[in-house]
PDB file of N, CA and C in Angstrom:
ATOM      1  N   UNK A   1     127.864  54.421  59.821  1.00  0.00           N
ATOM      2  CA  UNK A   1     127.981  52.999  60.061  1.00  0.00           C
ATOM      3  C   UNK A   1     129.302  52.706  60.784  1.00  0.00           C
ATOM      4  N   UNK A   2     129.201  51.932  61.849  1.00  0.00           N
ATOM      5  CA  UNK A   2     130.409  51.510  62.555  1.00  0.00           C
ATOM      6  C   UNK A   2     131.109  50.423  61.760  1.00  0.00           C
ATOM      7  N   UNK A   3     132.410  50.517  61.720  1.00  0.00           N
ATOM      8  CA  UNK A   3     133.194  49.543  60.956  1.00  0.00           C
ATOM      9  C   UNK A   3     134.009  48.668  61.897  1.00  0.00           C
ATOM     10  N   UNK A   4     133.795  47.407  61.798  1.00  0.00           N
ATOM     11  CA  UNK A   4     134.663  46.381  62.390  1.00  0.00           C
ATOM     12  C   UNK A   4     135.038  46.575  63.859  1.00  0.00           C
ATOM     13  N   UNK A   5     134.080  46.887  64.731  1.00  0.00           N
ATOM     14  CA  UNK A   5     134.447  47.099  66.136  1.00  0.00           C
ATOM     15  C   UNK A   5     135.005  45.853  66.817  1.00  0.00           C
ATOM     16  N   UNK A   6     134.518  44.685  66.433  1.00  0.00           N
ATOM     17  CA  UNK A   6     135.005  43.442  67.048  1.00  0.00           C
ATOM     18  C   UNK A   6     136.452  43.173  66.650  1.00  0.00           C
ATOM     19  N   UNK A   7     136.761  43.353  65.389  1.00  0.00           N
ATOM     20  CA  UNK A   7     138.149  43.158  64.920  1.00  0.00           C
ATOM     21  C   UNK A   7     139.081  44.178  65.581  1.00  0.00           C
ATOM     22  N   UNK A   8     138.595  45.416  65.712  1.00  0.00           N
ATOM     23  CA  UNK A   8     139.405  46.445  66.361  1.00  0.00           C
ATOM     24  C   UNK A   8     139.672  46.062  67.816  1.00  0.00           C
ATOM     25  N   UNK A   9     138.631  45.637  68.506  1.00  0.00           N
ATOM     26  CA  UNK A   9     138.761  45.239  69.910  1.00  0.00           C
ATOM     27  C   UNK A   9     139.743  44.072  70.055  1.00  0.00           C
ATOM     28  N   UNK A  10     139.673  43.102  69.139  1.00  0.00           N
ATOM     29  CA  UNK A  10     140.614  41.977  69.174  1.00  0.00           C
ATOM     30  C   UNK A  10     142.055  42.448  68.994  1.00  0.00           C
ATOM     31  N   UNK A  11     142.266  43.387  68.084  1.00  0.00           N
ATOM     32  CA  UNK A  11     143.615  43.911  67.850  1.00  0.00           C
ATOM     33  C   UNK A  11     144.141  44.622  69.094  1.00  0.00           C
ATOM     34  N   UNK A  12     143.300  45.444  69.712  1.00  0.00           N
ATOM     35  CA  UNK A  12     143.707  46.174  70.909  1.00  0.00           C
ATOM     36  C   UNK A  12     144.031  45.206  72.048  1.00  0.00           C
ATOM     37  N   UNK A  13     143.169  44.218  72.255  1.00  0.00           N
ATOM     38  CA  UNK A  13     143.386  43.244  73.327  1.00  0.00           C
ATOM     39  C   UNK A  13     144.669  42.449  73.083  1.00  0.00           C
ATOM     40  N   UNK A  14     144.904  42.059  71.838  1.00  0.00           N
ATOM     41  CA  UNK A  14     146.131  41.339  71.503  1.00  0.00           C
ATOM     42  C   UNK A  14     147.361  42.193  71.782  1.00  0.00           C
ATOM     43  N   UNK A  15     147.284  43.463  71.421  1.00  0.00           N
ATOM     44  CA  UNK A  15     148.395  44.374  71.703  1.00  0.00           C
ATOM     45  C   UNK A  15     148.649  44.481  73.201  1.00  0.00           C
ATOM     46  N   UNK A  16     147.600  44.497  73.992  1.00  0.00           N
ATOM     47  CA  UNK A  16     147.772  44.555  75.447  1.00  0.00           C
ATOM     48  C   UNK A  16     148.519  43.332  75.963  1.00  0.00           C
ATOM     49  N   UNK A  17     148.169  42.138  75.454  1.00  0.00           N
ATOM     50  CA  UNK A  17     148.854  40.931  75.929  1.00  0.00           C
ATOM     51  C   UNK A  17     150.308  40.905  75.470  1.00  0.00           C
ATOM     52  N   UNK A  18     150.561  41.386  74.256  1.00  0.00           N
ATOM     53  CA  UNK A  18     151.942  41.459  73.781  1.00  0.00           C
ATOM     54  C   UNK A  18     152.728  42.451  74.627  1.00  0.00           C
ATOM     55  N   UNK A  19     152.141  43.598  74.895  1.00  0.00           N
ATOM     56  CA  UNK A  19     152.811  44.590  75.727  1.00  0.00           C
ATOM     57  C   UNK A  19     153.153  44.063  77.109  1.00  0.00           C
ATOM     58  N   UNK A  20     152.259  43.272  77.687  1.00  0.00           N
ATOM     59  CA  UNK A  20     152.517  42.767  79.042  1.00  0.00           C
ATOM     60  C   UNK A  20     153.666  41.765  79.069  1.00  0.00           C
ATOM     61  N   UNK A  21     153.792  40.924  78.047  1.00  0.00           N
ATOM     62  CA  UNK A  21     154.900  39.953  78.039  1.00  0.00           C
ATOM     63  C   UNK A  21     156.231  40.656  77.790  1.00  0.00           C
ATOM     64  N   UNK A  22     156.198  41.782  77.111  1.00  0.00           N
ATOM     65  CA  UNK A  22     157.438  42.516  76.864  1.00  0.00           C
ATOM     66  C   UNK A  22     158.010  43.138  78.136  1.00  0.00           C
ATOM     67  N   UNK A  23     157.218  43.181  79.191  1.00  0.00           N
ATOM     68  CA  UNK A  23     157.687  43.701  80.486  1.00  0.00           C
ATOM     69  C   UNK A  23     158.428  42.634  81.291  1.00  0.00           C
ATOM     70  N   UNK A  24     158.334  41.385  80.869  1.00  0.00           N
ATOM     71  CA  UNK A  24     158.942  40.279  81.611  1.00  0.00           C
ATOM     72  C   UNK A  24     160.444  40.185  81.344  1.00  0.00           C
ATOM     73  N   UNK A  25     161.171  39.712  82.333  1.00  0.00           N
ATOM     74  CA  UNK A  25     162.600  39.466  82.165  1.00  0.00           C
ATOM     75  C   UNK A  25     162.805  38.320  81.172  1.00  0.00           C
ATOM     76  N   UNK A  26     163.909  38.398  80.451  1.00  0.00           N
ATOM     77  CA  UNK A  26     164.183  37.398  79.423  1.00  0.00           C
ATOM     78  C   UNK A  26     164.385  36.014  80.020  1.00  0.00           C
ATOM     79  N   UNK A  27     163.786  35.060  79.374  1.00  0.00           N
ATOM     80  CA  UNK A  27     164.077  33.636  79.535  1.00  0.00           C
ATOM     81  C   UNK A  27     163.649  32.996  78.223  1.00  0.00           C
ATOM     82  N   UNK A  28     164.044  31.772  78.000  1.00  0.00           N
ATOM     83  CA  UNK A  28     163.644  31.084  76.772  1.00  0.00           C
ATOM     84  C   UNK A  28     162.117  30.961  76.723  1.00  0.00           C
ATOM     85  N   UNK A  29     161.498  30.697  77.851  1.00  0.00           N
ATOM     86  CA  UNK A  29     160.035  30.575  77.895  1.00  0.00           C
ATOM     87  C   UNK A  29     159.380  31.911  77.580  1.00  0.00           C
ATOM     88  N   UNK A  30     159.896  32.991  78.142  1.00  0.00           N
ATOM     89  CA  UNK A  30     159.348  34.323  77.840  1.00  0.00           C
ATOM     90  C   UNK A  30     159.569  34.655  76.372  1.00  0.00           C
ATOM     91  N   UNK A  31     160.735  34.325  75.844  1.00  0.00           N
ATOM     92  CA  UNK A  31     161.000  34.574  74.422  1.00  0.00           C
ATOM     93  C   UNK A  31     159.975  33.846  73.551  1.00  0.00           C
ATOM     94  N   UNK A  32     159.758  32.581  73.852  1.00  0.00           N
ATOM     95  CA  UNK A  32     158.823  31.795  73.044  1.00  0.00           C
ATOM     96  C   UNK A  32     157.388  32.297  73.197  1.00  0.00           C
ATOM     97  N   UNK A  33     157.009  32.667  74.397  1.00  0.00           N
ATOM     98  CA  UNK A  33     155.663  33.228  74.627  1.00  0.00           C
ATOM     99  C   UNK A  33     155.519  34.562  73.901  1.00  0.00           C
ATOM    100  N   UNK A  34     156.581  35.347  73.900  1.00  0.00           N
ATOM    101  CA  UNK A  34     156.562  36.638  73.204  1.00  0.00           C
ATOM    102  C   UNK A  34     156.344  36.427  71.710  1.00  0.00           C
ATOM    103  N   UNK A  35     157.038  35.463  71.145  1.00  0.00           N
ATOM    104  CA  UNK A  35     156.874  35.203  69.709  1.00  0.00           C
ATOM    105  C   UNK A  35     155.460  34.717  69.399  1.00  0.00           C
ATOM    106  N   UNK A  36     154.888  33.911  70.271  1.00  0.00           N
ATOM    107  CA  UNK A  36     153.513  33.447  70.053  1.00  0.00           C
ATOM    108  C   UNK A  36     152.541  34.631  70.118  1.00  0.00           C
ATOM    109  N   UNK A  37     152.748  35.510  71.076  1.00  0.00           N
ATOM    110  CA  UNK A  37     151.882  36.685  71.192  1.00  0.00           C
ATOM    111  C   UNK A  37     152.087  37.640  70.021  1.00  0.00           C
ATOM    112  N   UNK A  38     153.316  37.771  69.561  1.00  0.00           N
ATOM    113  CA  UNK A  38     153.579  38.584  68.369  1.00  0.00           C
ATOM    114  C   UNK A  38     152.794  38.025  67.185  1.00  0.00           C
ATOM    115  N   UNK A  39     152.828  36.721  67.046  1.00  0.00           N
ATOM    116  CA  UNK A  39     152.170  36.070  65.921  1.00  0.00           C
ATOM    117  C   UNK A  39     150.665  36.337  65.930  1.00  0.00           C
ATOM    118  N   UNK A  40     150.012  36.121  67.065  1.00  0.00           N
ATOM    119  CA  UNK A  40     148.560  36.333  67.061  1.00  0.00           C
ATOM    120  C   UNK A  40     148.186  37.805  67.064  1.00  0.00           C
ATOM    121  N   UNK A  41     149.048  38.665  67.583  1.00  0.00           N
ATOM    122  CA  UNK A  41     148.781  40.103  67.524  1.00  0.00           C
ATOM    123  C   UNK A  41     148.884  40.590  66.090  1.00  0.00           C
ATOM    124  N   UNK A  42     149.910  40.150  65.400  1.00  0.00           N
ATOM    125  CA  UNK A  42     150.061  40.493  63.989  1.00  0.00           C
ATOM    126  C   UNK A  42     148.805  40.077  63.213  1.00  0.00           C
ATOM    127  N   UNK A  43     148.334  38.857  63.454  1.00  0.00           N
ATOM    128  CA  UNK A  43     147.139  38.361  62.765  1.00  0.00           C
ATOM    129  C   UNK A  43     145.928  39.238  63.066  1.00  0.00           C
ATOM    130  N   UNK A  44     145.747  39.603  64.325  1.00  0.00           N
ATOM    131  CA  UNK A  44     144.598  40.437  64.711  1.00  0.00           C
ATOM    132  C   UNK A  44     144.673  41.812  64.058  1.00  0.00           C
ATOM    133  N   UNK A  45     145.865  42.389  64.012  1.00  0.00           N
ATOM    134  CA  UNK A  45     146.024  43.726  63.423  1.00  0.00           C
ATOM    135  C   UNK A  45     145.772  43.696  61.915  1.00  0.00           C
ATOM    136  N   UNK A  46     146.402  42.781  61.214  1.00  0.00           N
ATOM    137  CA  UNK A  46     146.223  42.808  59.756  1.00  0.00           C
ATOM    138  C   UNK A  46     144.810  42.420  59.362  1.00  0.00           C
ATOM    139  N   UNK A  47     144.169  41.542  60.129  1.00  0.00           N
ATOM    140  CA  UNK A  47     142.785  41.178  59.798  1.00  0.00           C
ATOM    141  C   UNK A  47     141.820  42.326  60.085  1.00  0.00           C
ATOM    142  N   UNK A  48     142.130  43.136  61.096  1.00  0.00           N
ATOM    143  CA  UNK A  48     141.346  44.361  61.304  1.00  0.00           C
ATOM    144  C   UNK A  48     141.517  45.283  60.095  1.00  0.00           C
ATOM    145  N   UNK A  49     142.761  45.488  59.675  1.00  0.00           N
ATOM    146  CA  UNK A  49     143.028  46.359  58.530  1.00  0.00           C
ATOM    147  C   UNK A  49     142.326  45.851  57.277  1.00  0.00           C
ATOM    148  N   UNK A  50     142.357  44.554  57.070  1.00  0.00           N
ATOM    149  CA  UNK A  50     141.687  43.951  55.918  1.00  0.00           C
ATOM    150  C   UNK A  50     140.196  44.285  55.933  1.00  0.00           C
ATOM    151  N   UNK A  51     139.561  44.112  57.087  1.00  0.00           N
ATOM    152  CA  UNK A  51     138.134  44.398  57.189  1.00  0.00           C
ATOM    153  C   UNK A  51     137.846  45.890  57.049  1.00  0.00           C
ATOM    154  N   UNK A  52     138.702  46.727  57.648  1.00  0.00           N
ATOM    155  CA  UNK A  52     138.540  48.176  57.524  1.00  0.00           C
ATOM    156  C   UNK A  52     138.590  48.591  56.054  1.00  0.00           C
ATOM    157  N   UNK A  53     139.590  48.098  55.344  1.00  0.00           N
ATOM    158  CA  UNK A  53     139.728  48.443  53.924  1.00  0.00           C
ATOM    159  C   UNK A  53     138.510  48.005  53.120  1.00  0.00           C
ATOM    160  N   UNK A  54     138.001  46.843  53.418  1.00  0.00           N
ATOM    161  CA  UNK A  54     136.825  46.344  52.695  1.00  0.00           C
ATOM    162  C   UNK A  54     135.592  47.192  53.003  1.00  0.00           C
ATOM    163  N   UNK A  55     135.356  47.446  54.294  1.00  0.00           N
ATOM    164  CA  UNK A  55     134.139  48.145  54.710  1.00  0.00           C
ATOM    165  C   UNK A  55     134.170  49.645  54.406  1.00  0.00           C
ATOM    166  N   UNK A  56     135.299  50.282  54.667  1.00  0.00           N
ATOM    167  CA  UNK A  56     135.373  51.745  54.533  1.00  0.00           C
ATOM    168  C   UNK A  56     135.895  52.226  53.191  1.00  0.00           C
ATOM    169  N   UNK A  57     136.742  51.430  52.560  1.00  0.00           N
ATOM    170  CA  UNK A  57     137.388  51.871  51.317  1.00  0.00           C
ATOM    171  C   UNK A  57     136.962  51.065  50.096  1.00  0.00           C
ATOM    172  N   UNK A  58     136.227  49.976  50.323  1.00  0.00           N
ATOM    173  CA  UNK A  58     135.811  49.133  49.210  1.00  0.00           C
ATOM    174  C   UNK A  58     136.961  48.406  48.543  1.00  0.00           C
ATOM    175  N   UNK A  59     138.018  48.152  49.300  1.00  0.00           N
ATOM    176  CA  UNK A  59     139.237  47.535  48.770  1.00  0.00           C
ATOM    177  C   UNK A  59     139.379  46.133  49.347  1.00  0.00           C
ATOM    178  N   UNK A  60     139.607  45.179  48.481  1.00  0.00           N
ATOM    179  CA  UNK A  60     139.861  43.803  48.910  1.00  0.00           C
ATOM    180  C   UNK A  60     141.380  43.596  48.933  1.00  0.00           C
ATOM    181  N   UNK A  61     141.889  43.285  50.101  1.00  0.00           N
ATOM    182  CA  UNK A  61     143.321  42.993  50.269  1.00  0.00           C
ATOM    183  C   UNK A  61     143.425  41.641  50.961  1.00  0.00           C
ATOM    184  N   UNK A  62     143.894  40.667  50.249  1.00  0.00           N
ATOM    185  CA  UNK A  62     143.905  39.314  50.793  1.00  0.00           C
ATOM    186  C   UNK A  62     145.222  38.882  51.409  1.00  0.00           C
ATOM    187  N   UNK A  63     146.149  39.808  51.562  1.00  0.00           N
ATOM    188  CA  UNK A  63     147.413  39.460  52.210  1.00  0.00           C
ATOM    189  C   UNK A  63     147.833  40.617  53.111  1.00  0.00           C
ATOM    190  N   UNK A  64     148.630  40.322  54.130  1.00  0.00           N
ATOM    191  CA  UNK A  64     149.105  41.401  55.008  1.00  0.00           C
ATOM    192  C   UNK A  64     149.872  42.481  54.237  1.00  0.00           C
ATOM    193  N   UNK A  65     150.746  42.083  53.335  1.00  0.00           N
ATOM    194  CA  UNK A  65     151.540  43.080  52.610  1.00  0.00           C
ATOM    195  C   UNK A  65     150.655  43.983  51.761  1.00  0.00           C
ATOM    196  N   UNK A  66     149.636  43.418  51.131  1.00  0.00           N
ATOM    197  CA  UNK A  66     148.705  44.234  50.341  1.00  0.00           C
ATOM    198  C   UNK A  66     147.971  45.221  51.247  1.00  0.00           C
ATOM    199  N   UNK A  67     147.578  44.766  52.429  1.00  0.00           N
ATOM    200  CA  UNK A  67     146.908  45.669  53.385  1.00  0.00           C
ATOM    201  C   UNK A  67     147.825  46.812  53.789  1.00  0.00           C
ATOM    202  N   UNK A  68     149.053  46.496  54.154  1.00  0.00           N
ATOM    203  CA  UNK A  68     149.976  47.547  54.594  1.00  0.00           C
ATOM    204  C   UNK A  68     150.282  48.531  53.465  1.00  0.00           C
ATOM    205  N   UNK A  69     150.416  48.014  52.267  1.00  0.00           N
ATOM    206  CA  UNK A  69     150.663  48.915  51.130  1.00  0.00           C
ATOM    207  C   UNK A  69     149.482  49.863  50.912  1.00  0.00           C
ATOM    208  N   UNK A  70     148.274  49.345  51.025  1.00  0.00           N
ATOM    209  CA  UNK A  70     147.086  50.179  50.831  1.00  0.00           C
ATOM    210  C   UNK A  70     146.938  51.179  51.983  1.00  0.00           C
ATOM    211  N   UNK A  71     147.174  50.735  53.195  1.00  0.00           N
ATOM    212  CA  UNK A  71     147.093  51.631  54.357  1.00  0.00           C
ATOM    213  C   UNK A  71     148.119  52.753  54.197  1.00  0.00           C
ATOM    214  N   UNK A  72     149.307  52.430  53.674  1.00  0.00           N
ATOM    215  CA  UNK A  72     150.316  53.443  53.377  1.00  0.00           C
ATOM    216  C   UNK A  72     149.778  54.427  52.337  1.00  0.00           C
ATOM    217  N   UNK A  73     149.191  53.913  51.265  1.00  0.00           N
ATOM    218  CA  UNK A  73     148.708  54.792  50.191  1.00  0.00           C
ATOM    219  C   UNK A  73     147.571  55.705  50.673  1.00  0.00           C
ATOM    220  N   UNK A  74     146.887  55.292  51.732  1.00  0.00           N
ATOM    221  CA  UNK A  74     145.811  56.119  52.303  1.00  0.00           C
ATOM    222  C   UNK A  74     146.333  57.134  53.323  1.00  0.00           C
ATOM    223  N   UNK A  75     147.635  57.091  53.595  1.00  0.00           N
ATOM    224  CA  UNK A  75     148.240  58.076  54.484  1.00  0.00           C
ATOM    225  C   UNK A  75     148.306  57.706  55.951  1.00  0.00           C
ATOM    226  N   UNK A  76     148.020  56.460  56.282  1.00  0.00           N
ATOM    227  CA  UNK A  76     148.069  56.030  57.678  1.00  0.00           C
ATOM    228  C   UNK A  76     149.474  55.652  58.125  1.00  0.00           C
ATOM    229  N   UNK A  77     150.369  55.433  57.187  1.00  0.00           N
ATOM    230  CA  UNK A  77     151.743  55.043  57.493  1.00  0.00           C
ATOM    231  C   UNK A  77     152.721  55.929  56.734  1.00  0.00           C
ATOM    232  N   UNK A  78     153.836  56.243  57.382  1.00  0.00           N
ATOM    233  CA  UNK A  78     154.931  56.893  56.663  1.00  0.00           C
ATOM    234  C   UNK A  78     155.610  55.836  55.799  1.00  0.00           C
ATOM    235  N   UNK A  79     156.460  56.283  54.904  1.00  0.00           N
ATOM    236  CA  UNK A  79     157.179  55.325  54.065  1.00  0.00           C
ATOM    237  C   UNK A  79     158.041  54.395  54.912  1.00  0.00           C
ATOM    238  N   UNK A  80     158.717  54.956  55.913  1.00  0.00           N
ATOM    239  CA  UNK A  80     159.551  54.133  56.794  1.00  0.00           C
ATOM    240  C   UNK A  80     158.723  53.114  57.557  1.00  0.00           C
ATOM    241  N   UNK A  81     157.569  53.543  58.065  1.00  0.00           N
ATOM    242  CA  UNK A  81     156.707  52.613  58.804  1.00  0.00           C
ATOM    243  C   UNK A  81     156.118  51.553  57.880  1.00  0.00           C
ATOM    244  N   UNK A  82     155.797  51.928  56.663  1.00  0.00           N
ATOM    245  CA  UNK A  82     155.292  50.945  55.702  1.00  0.00           C
ATOM    246  C   UNK A  82     156.358  49.892  55.414  1.00  0.00           C
ATOM    247  N   UNK A  83     157.584  50.338  55.241  1.00  0.00           N
ATOM    248  CA  UNK A  83     158.695  49.404  55.020  1.00  0.00           C
ATOM    249  C   UNK A  83     158.859  48.490  56.228  1.00  0.00           C
ATOM    250  N   UNK A  84     158.749  49.062  57.427  1.00  0.00           N
ATOM    251  CA  UNK A  84     158.857  48.263  58.653  1.00  0.00           C
ATOM    252  C   UNK A  84     157.715  47.245  58.746  1.00  0.00           C
ATOM    253  N   UNK A  85     156.525  47.624  58.291  1.00  0.00           N
ATOM    254  CA  UNK A  85     155.388  46.687  58.300  1.00  0.00           C
ATOM    255  C   UNK A  85     155.632  45.517  57.343  1.00  0.00           C
ATOM    256  N   UNK A  86     156.245  45.795  56.211  1.00  0.00           N
ATOM    257  CA  UNK A  86     156.561  44.717  55.272  1.00  0.00           C
ATOM    258  C   UNK A  86     157.621  43.783  55.856  1.00  0.00           C
ATOM    259  N   UNK A  87     158.603  44.358  56.526  1.00  0.00           N
ATOM    260  CA  UNK A  87     159.620  43.553  57.201  1.00  0.00           C
ATOM    261  C   UNK A  87     158.971  42.723  58.312  1.00  0.00           C
ATOM    262  N   UNK A  88     158.071  43.363  59.067  1.00  0.00           N
ATOM    263  CA  UNK A  88     157.375  42.675  60.155  1.00  0.00           C
ATOM    264  C   UNK A  88     156.600  41.474  59.612  1.00  0.00           C
ATOM    265  N   UNK A  89     156.018  41.620  58.433  1.00  0.00           N
ATOM    266  CA  UNK A  89     155.296  40.517  57.800  1.00  0.00           C
ATOM    267  C   UNK A  89     156.248  39.359  57.520  1.00  0.00           C
ATOM    268  N   UNK A  90     157.415  39.676  57.038  1.00  0.00           N
ATOM    269  CA  UNK A  90     158.419  38.628  56.792  1.00  0.00           C
ATOM    270  C   UNK A  90     158.813  37.935  58.090  1.00  0.00           C
ATOM    271  N   UNK A  91     159.001  38.719  59.162  1.00  0.00           N
ATOM    272  CA  UNK A  91     159.358  38.122  60.445  1.00  0.00           C
ATOM    273  C   UNK A  91     158.212  37.264  60.973  1.00  0.00           C
ATOM    274  N   UNK A  92     156.971  37.698  60.756  1.00  0.00           N
ATOM    275  CA  UNK A  92     155.820  36.888  61.164  1.00  0.00           C
ATOM    276  C   UNK A  92     155.862  35.553  60.427  1.00  0.00           C
ATOM    277  N   UNK A  93     156.181  35.586  59.148  1.00  0.00           N
ATOM    278  CA  UNK A  93     156.271  34.350  58.376  1.00  0.00           C
ATOM    279  C   UNK A  93     157.409  33.458  58.867  1.00  0.00           C
ATOM    280  N   UNK A  94     158.446  34.071  59.404  1.00  0.00           N
ATOM    281  CA  UNK A  94     159.590  33.321  59.922  1.00  0.00           C
ATOM    282  C   UNK A  94     159.282  32.611  61.240  1.00  0.00           C
ATOM    283  N   UNK A  95     158.162  32.953  61.880  1.00  0.00           N
ATOM    284  CA  UNK A  95     157.872  32.335  63.181  1.00  0.00           C
ATOM    285  C   UNK A  95     157.708  30.820  63.085  1.00  0.00           C
ATOM    286  N   UNK A  96     157.465  30.311  61.907  1.00  0.00           N
ATOM    287  CA  UNK A  96     157.384  28.852  61.761  1.00  0.00           C
ATOM    288  C   UNK A  96     158.763  28.202  61.791  1.00  0.00           C
ATOM    289  N   UNK A  97     159.815  29.018  61.835  1.00  0.00           N
ATOM    290  CA  UNK A  97     161.186  28.493  61.858  1.00  0.00           C
ATOM    291  C   UNK A  97     161.911  28.827  63.160  1.00  0.00           C
ATOM    292  N   UNK A  98     161.154  29.065  64.222  1.00  0.00           N
ATOM    293  CA  UNK A  98     161.804  29.488  65.461  1.00  0.00           C
ATOM    294  C   UNK A  98     162.509  28.346  66.184  1.00  0.00           C
ATOM    295  N   UNK A  99     162.422  27.144  65.652  1.00  0.00           N
ATOM    296  CA  UNK A  99     163.246  26.066  66.187  1.00  0.00           C
ATOM    297  C   UNK A  99     164.722  26.352  65.919  1.00  0.00           C
ATOM    298  N   UNK A 100     164.995  27.261  64.989  1.00  0.00           N
ATOM    299  CA  UNK A 100     166.361  27.708  64.735  1.00  0.00           C
ATOM    300  C   UNK A 100     166.635  28.871  65.690  1.00  0.00           C
ATOM    301  N   UNK A 101     167.602  28.687  66.537  1.00  0.00           N
ATOM    302  CA  UNK A 101     167.899  29.659  67.587  1.00  0.00           C
ATOM    303  C   UNK A 101     168.123  31.069  67.046  1.00  0.00           C
ATOM    304  N   UNK A 102     168.881  31.184  65.945  1.00  0.00           N
ATOM    305  CA  UNK A 102     169.183  32.515  65.407  1.00  0.00           C
ATOM    306  C   UNK A 102     167.916  33.215  64.892  1.00  0.00           C
ATOM    307  N   UNK A 103     166.984  32.469  64.326  1.00  0.00           N
ATOM    308  CA  UNK A 103     165.723  33.050  63.856  1.00  0.00           C
ATOM    309  C   UNK A 103     164.899  33.518  65.048  1.00  0.00           C
ATOM    310  N   UNK A 104     164.827  32.691  66.074  1.00  0.00           N
ATOM    311  CA  UNK A 104     164.081  33.051  67.282  1.00  0.00           C
ATOM    312  C   UNK A 104     164.641  34.330  67.901  1.00  0.00           C
ATOM    313  N   UNK A 105     165.952  34.442  67.965  1.00  0.00           N
ATOM    314  CA  UNK A 105     166.570  35.623  68.564  1.00  0.00           C
ATOM    315  C   UNK A 105     166.301  36.884  67.736  1.00  0.00           C
ATOM    316  N   UNK A 106     166.339  36.768  66.428  1.00  0.00           N
ATOM    317  CA  UNK A 106     166.066  37.924  65.555  1.00  0.00           C
ATOM    318  C   UNK A 106     164.638  38.414  65.772  1.00  0.00           C
ATOM    319  N   UNK A 107     163.689  37.494  65.751  1.00  0.00           N
ATOM    320  CA  UNK A 107     162.282  37.878  65.931  1.00  0.00           C
ATOM    321  C   UNK A 107     162.075  38.491  67.308  1.00  0.00           C
ATOM    322  N   UNK A 108     162.585  37.821  68.332  1.00  0.00           N
ATOM    323  CA  UNK A 108     162.430  38.340  69.695  1.00  0.00           C
ATOM    324  C   UNK A 108     163.052  39.735  69.815  1.00  0.00           C
ATOM    325  N   UNK A 109     164.211  39.920  69.227  1.00  0.00           N
ATOM    326  CA  UNK A 109     164.902  41.202  69.312  1.00  0.00           C
ATOM    327  C   UNK A 109     164.159  42.350  68.650  1.00  0.00           C
ATOM    328  N   UNK A 110     163.310  42.050  67.707  1.00  0.00           N
ATOM    329  CA  UNK A 110     162.562  43.087  66.985  1.00  0.00           C
ATOM    330  C   UNK A 110     161.127  43.258  67.492  1.00  0.00           C
ATOM    331  N   UNK A 111     160.695  42.392  68.367  1.00  0.00           N
ATOM    332  CA  UNK A 111     159.288  42.395  68.769  1.00  0.00           C
ATOM    333  C   UNK A 111     158.861  43.700  69.415  1.00  0.00           C
ATOM    334  N   UNK A 112     159.688  44.299  70.250  1.00  0.00           N
ATOM    335  CA  UNK A 112     159.298  45.558  70.888  1.00  0.00           C
ATOM    336  C   UNK A 112     159.048  46.644  69.836  1.00  0.00           C
ATOM    337  N   UNK A 113     159.906  46.729  68.837  1.00  0.00           N
ATOM    338  CA  UNK A 113     159.704  47.708  67.760  1.00  0.00           C
ATOM    339  C   UNK A 113     158.409  47.419  66.996  1.00  0.00           C
ATOM    340  N   UNK A 114     158.158  46.146  66.735  1.00  0.00           N
ATOM    341  CA  UNK A 114     156.933  45.776  66.025  1.00  0.00           C
ATOM    342  C   UNK A 114     155.697  46.088  66.871  1.00  0.00           C
ATOM    343  N   UNK A 115     155.800  45.841  68.168  1.00  0.00           N
ATOM    344  CA  UNK A 115     154.706  46.169  69.081  1.00  0.00           C
ATOM    345  C   UNK A 115     154.388  47.664  69.003  1.00  0.00           C
ATOM    346  N   UNK A 116     155.406  48.497  69.095  1.00  0.00           N
ATOM    347  CA  UNK A 116     155.192  49.952  69.041  1.00  0.00           C
ATOM    348  C   UNK A 116     154.624  50.372  67.685  1.00  0.00           C
ATOM    349  N   UNK A 117     155.094  49.758  66.625  1.00  0.00           N
ATOM    350  CA  UNK A 117     154.597  50.048  65.284  1.00  0.00           C
ATOM    351  C   UNK A 117     153.110  49.701  65.167  1.00  0.00           C
ATOM    352  N   UNK A 118     152.740  48.499  65.609  1.00  0.00           N
ATOM    353  CA  UNK A 118     151.340  48.086  65.535  1.00  0.00           C
ATOM    354  C   UNK A 118     150.453  48.930  66.453  1.00  0.00           C
ATOM    355  N   UNK A 119     150.968  49.270  67.624  1.00  0.00           N
ATOM    356  CA  UNK A 119     150.218  50.096  68.564  1.00  0.00           C
ATOM    357  C   UNK A 119     149.943  51.479  67.969  1.00  0.00           C
ATOM    358  N   UNK A 120     150.950  52.077  67.385  1.00  0.00           N
ATOM    359  CA  UNK A 120     150.799  53.389  66.757  1.00  0.00           C
ATOM    360  C   UNK A 120     149.812  53.320  65.590  1.00  0.00           C
ATOM    361  N   UNK A 121     149.935  52.280  64.784  1.00  0.00           N
ATOM    362  CA  UNK A 121     149.038  52.129  63.645  1.00  0.00           C
ATOM    363  C   UNK A 121     147.588  51.965  64.102  1.00  0.00           C
ATOM    364  N   UNK A 122     147.350  51.081  65.033  1.00  0.00           N
ATOM    365  CA  UNK A 122     145.967  50.837  65.500  1.00  0.00           C
ATOM    366  C   UNK A 122     145.384  52.096  66.139  1.00  0.00           C
ATOM    367  N   UNK A 123     146.200  52.862  66.840  1.00  0.00           N
ATOM    368  CA  UNK A 123     145.690  54.081  67.486  1.00  0.00           C
ATOM    369  C   UNK A 123     145.144  55.085  66.465  1.00  0.00           C
ATOM    370  N   UNK A 124     145.640  55.026  65.251  1.00  0.00           N
ATOM    371  CA  UNK A 124     145.164  55.942  64.198  1.00  0.00           C
ATOM    372  C   UNK A 124     143.744  55.620  63.752  1.00  0.00           C
ATOM    373  N   UNK A 125     143.255  54.461  64.135  1.00  0.00           N
ATOM    374  CA  UNK A 125     141.906  54.052  63.726  1.00  0.00           C
ATOM    375  C   UNK A 125     140.880  54.165  64.854  1.00  0.00           C
ATOM    376  N   UNK A 126     141.322  54.520  66.037  1.00  0.00           N
ATOM    377  CA  UNK A 126     140.423  54.534  67.202  1.00  0.00           C
ATOM    378  C   UNK A 126     139.195  55.412  66.981  1.00  0.00           C
ATOM    379  N   UNK A 127     139.365  56.545  66.336  1.00  0.00           N
ATOM    380  CA  UNK A 127     138.231  57.450  66.114  1.00  0.00           C
ATOM    381  C   UNK A 127     137.450  57.129  64.840  1.00  0.00           C
ATOM    382  N   UNK A 128     137.850  56.079  64.136  1.00  0.00           N
ATOM    383  CA  UNK A 128     137.174  55.711  62.894  1.00  0.00           C
ATOM    384  C   UNK A 128     136.288  54.476  63.068  1.00  0.00           C
ATOM    385  N   UNK A 129     136.293  53.926  64.246  1.00  0.00           N
ATOM    386  CA  UNK A 129     135.535  52.685  64.515  1.00  0.00           C
ATOM    387  C   UNK A 129     134.187  53.013  65.125  1.00  0.00           C
TER     388      UNK A 129
END
């Protein structure tokens, strides 16, 4: 049985759009667009993981942190990457406070690392879909 191909495709497509904005030169508009793309990419990735866990593992995880913890316990993430995913979740939650310049800069400054983390994680599922 194929598991969650639509969710997987959405995650991959979102990662592509995030990757493309990361190639742009910095401006406030690019920073804000990057944060918006980070936000929806994060949502696409964790919702794919949620569906994967439900369909393939019989596990209900109703929050991003629960999903990342379970994905770690299944061996898809190293301890360091799992910790980074939990931090990334906190930064995703902080996106509602990007009207504060320092918060916006922190999120923007970490987005490339988060992009690479999500890209690496999603690639581990390509042969399981």
